[in-house]
Amino acid sequence: MMRLGMACLLASALLVSGCGGSNTTPPPVVPTVTSVTPASGATNVAVNGTVTATFSEAMNSSTLTASTFILTAAGGAAVTGTVSYSNSVATLTPSASLAYSTQYTATVTTGAQSSSGTALAAN
C-alpha cells in the first residue's frame, strides 16, 4: 500500500510541476490607427493635400500600398495615388487634385500589418 501511495504522490507532483510553468506566447499587439489628417468630418480641406494615418506601432511598409490605404469619393470611385510610410505614419498622396465640394473616405484595410506581421483588427 505504501508503494502505491508514493507512486500516486510522485505522479501528482509531476503533474502539478508540469502545469506551473508559463510556456505560452502572449497574444500579439494588434496595431490601430491612432489619428488621421484631415480629421474625420473636416470641411474646407485643400484639394491638393495629402491624407495621413498614424499607427499605434511600427508597421511593415511593404503592406501599406494603394490597395491597403484607399481614398474613395462619395460615389465609391477610388482615387489613384501613391502611399509612403515613415515613423508610424502612412501618407496617401493623390495623383491629381481632389474635386471641390465632394466627401471622401480614407480606409486602411486589414491587409496592412505591423512590423511583427499582425494585421489591423478591422478596416
Protein backbone atom coordinates (compact mmCIF):
# COMPACT_ATOMS: atom_id res chain seq x y z
CA MET A 1 0.00 0.00 0.00
CA MET A 2 2.88 2.35 0.81
CA ARG A 3 4.38 1.83 -2.64
CA LEU A 4 1.08 2.73 -4.36
CA GLY A 5 0.70 5.85 -2.20
CA MET A 6 4.24 7.05 -3.05
CA ALA A 7 3.64 6.45 -6.77
CA CYS A 8 0.43 8.49 -6.65
CA LEU A 9 2.16 11.24 -4.71
CA LEU A 10 5.05 11.33 -7.20
CA ALA A 11 2.69 11.35 -10.20
CA SER A 12 0.69 14.19 -8.65
CA ALA A 13 3.85 16.22 -8.02
CA LEU A 14 5.00 15.75 -11.62
CA LEU A 15 1.60 16.73 -12.96
CA VAL A 16 1.43 19.89 -10.86
CA SER A 17 5.01 20.93 -11.65
CA GLY A 18 4.34 20.50 -15.37
CA CYS A 19 1.35 22.85 -15.18
CA GLY A 20 3.11 25.56 -13.20
CA GLY A 21 5.31 26.93 -15.98
CA SER A 22 4.21 29.55 -18.44
CA ASN A 23 5.24 28.41 -21.90
CA THR A 24 2.51 30.33 -23.67
CA THR A 25 3.29 33.17 -26.02
CA PRO A 26 1.48 36.39 -25.21
CA PRO A 27 -1.09 37.45 -27.78
CA PRO A 28 0.26 39.81 -30.45
CA VAL A 29 -0.33 43.51 -30.08
CA VAL A 30 -2.89 44.50 -32.72
CA PRO A 31 -2.00 47.78 -34.45
CA THR A 32 -4.58 50.55 -34.60
CA VAL A 33 -4.92 53.87 -36.37
CA THR A 34 -4.48 56.48 -33.63
CA SER A 35 -5.05 59.62 -35.70
CA VAL A 36 -5.79 60.82 -39.21
CA THR A 37 -5.43 64.04 -41.17
CA PRO A 38 -7.54 65.63 -42.26
CA ALA A 39 -9.78 64.85 -39.31
CA SER A 40 -12.98 62.91 -39.88
CA GLY A 41 -15.74 65.29 -40.99
CA ALA A 42 -13.30 68.11 -41.78
CA THR A 43 -14.50 70.80 -44.20
CA ASN A 44 -12.61 73.31 -46.35
CA VAL A 45 -9.79 70.79 -46.87
CA ALA A 46 -7.21 71.65 -49.53
CA VAL A 47 -7.97 69.74 -52.73
CA ASN A 48 -4.26 69.24 -53.41
CA GLY A 49 -3.35 67.91 -49.93
CA THR A 50 -2.43 64.51 -48.57
CA VAL A 51 -4.19 62.09 -46.25
CA THR A 52 -2.27 60.57 -43.34
CA ALA A 53 -2.87 57.73 -40.90
CA THR A 54 -0.77 57.42 -37.75
CA PHE A 55 -0.44 53.93 -36.27
CA SER A 56 -0.07 52.76 -32.68
CA GLU A 57 3.09 50.85 -33.55
CA ALA A 58 5.66 50.36 -36.29
CA MET A 59 4.17 48.95 -39.47
CA ASN A 60 5.54 46.81 -42.30
CA SER A 61 5.92 49.44 -45.02
CA SER A 62 5.54 46.86 -47.79
CA THR A 63 1.94 46.24 -46.63
CA LEU A 64 0.97 49.91 -46.91
CA THR A 65 0.11 50.36 -50.56
CA ALA A 66 -2.56 51.90 -52.76
CA SER A 67 -4.57 48.71 -52.26
CA THR A 68 -4.46 48.83 -48.42
CA PHE A 69 -4.69 52.62 -47.92
CA ILE A 70 -7.62 53.70 -50.08
CA LEU A 71 -9.27 57.05 -50.65
CA THR A 72 -12.74 56.94 -52.20
CA ALA A 73 -15.16 59.63 -53.30
CA ALA A 74 -18.77 59.64 -52.11
CA GLY A 75 -19.84 57.68 -55.19
CA GLY A 76 -17.35 54.92 -54.45
CA ALA A 77 -14.72 55.72 -57.07
CA ALA A 78 -11.20 55.13 -55.73
CA VAL A 79 -8.70 57.98 -56.02
CA THR A 80 -5.40 56.98 -57.60
CA GLY A 81 -2.27 57.97 -55.76
CA THR A 82 0.87 56.82 -54.02
CA VAL A 83 1.41 55.70 -50.44
CA SER A 84 4.56 56.29 -48.42
CA TYR A 85 5.43 55.33 -44.86
CA SER A 86 7.79 56.78 -42.24
CA ASN A 87 7.87 56.83 -38.43
CA SER A 88 4.49 55.10 -37.94
CA VAL A 89 2.74 57.48 -40.38
CA ALA A 90 1.36 56.40 -43.76
CA THR A 91 0.77 59.20 -46.25
CA LEU A 92 -1.52 58.89 -49.27
CA THR A 93 -0.75 61.46 -51.98
CA PRO A 94 -3.46 61.66 -54.67
CA SER A 95 -2.20 61.72 -58.27
CA ALA A 96 -4.43 64.71 -59.06
CA SER A 97 -6.30 67.36 -57.12
CA LEU A 98 -9.50 66.21 -55.47
CA ALA A 99 -12.90 67.54 -56.52
CA TYR A 100 -14.39 70.53 -54.71
CA SER A 101 -17.49 70.01 -52.56
CA THR A 102 -17.01 66.25 -52.51
CA GLN A 103 -16.87 63.98 -49.48
CA TYR A 104 -14.03 61.46 -49.42
CA THR A 105 -13.44 58.48 -47.16
CA ALA A 106 -9.99 57.08 -46.36
CA THR A 107 -9.73 53.43 -45.37
CA VAL A 108 -6.77 51.40 -44.16
CA THR A 109 -7.60 47.74 -44.71
CA THR A 110 -6.68 44.64 -42.73
CA GLY A 111 -4.02 43.99 -45.39
CA ALA A 112 -1.84 46.49 -43.51
CA GLN A 113 0.38 44.72 -40.99
CA SER A 114 2.65 45.71 -38.12
CA SER A 115 6.37 45.06 -38.35
CA SER A 116 5.71 41.85 -36.40
CA GLY A 117 3.19 40.68 -39.03
CA THR A 118 -0.03 41.38 -37.13
CA ALA A 119 -2.86 42.81 -39.25
CA LEU A 120 -5.25 45.56 -38.23
CA ALA A 121 -8.28 44.08 -36.48
CA ALA A 122 -10.72 45.81 -38.86
CA ASN A 123 -10.78 48.25 -41.77
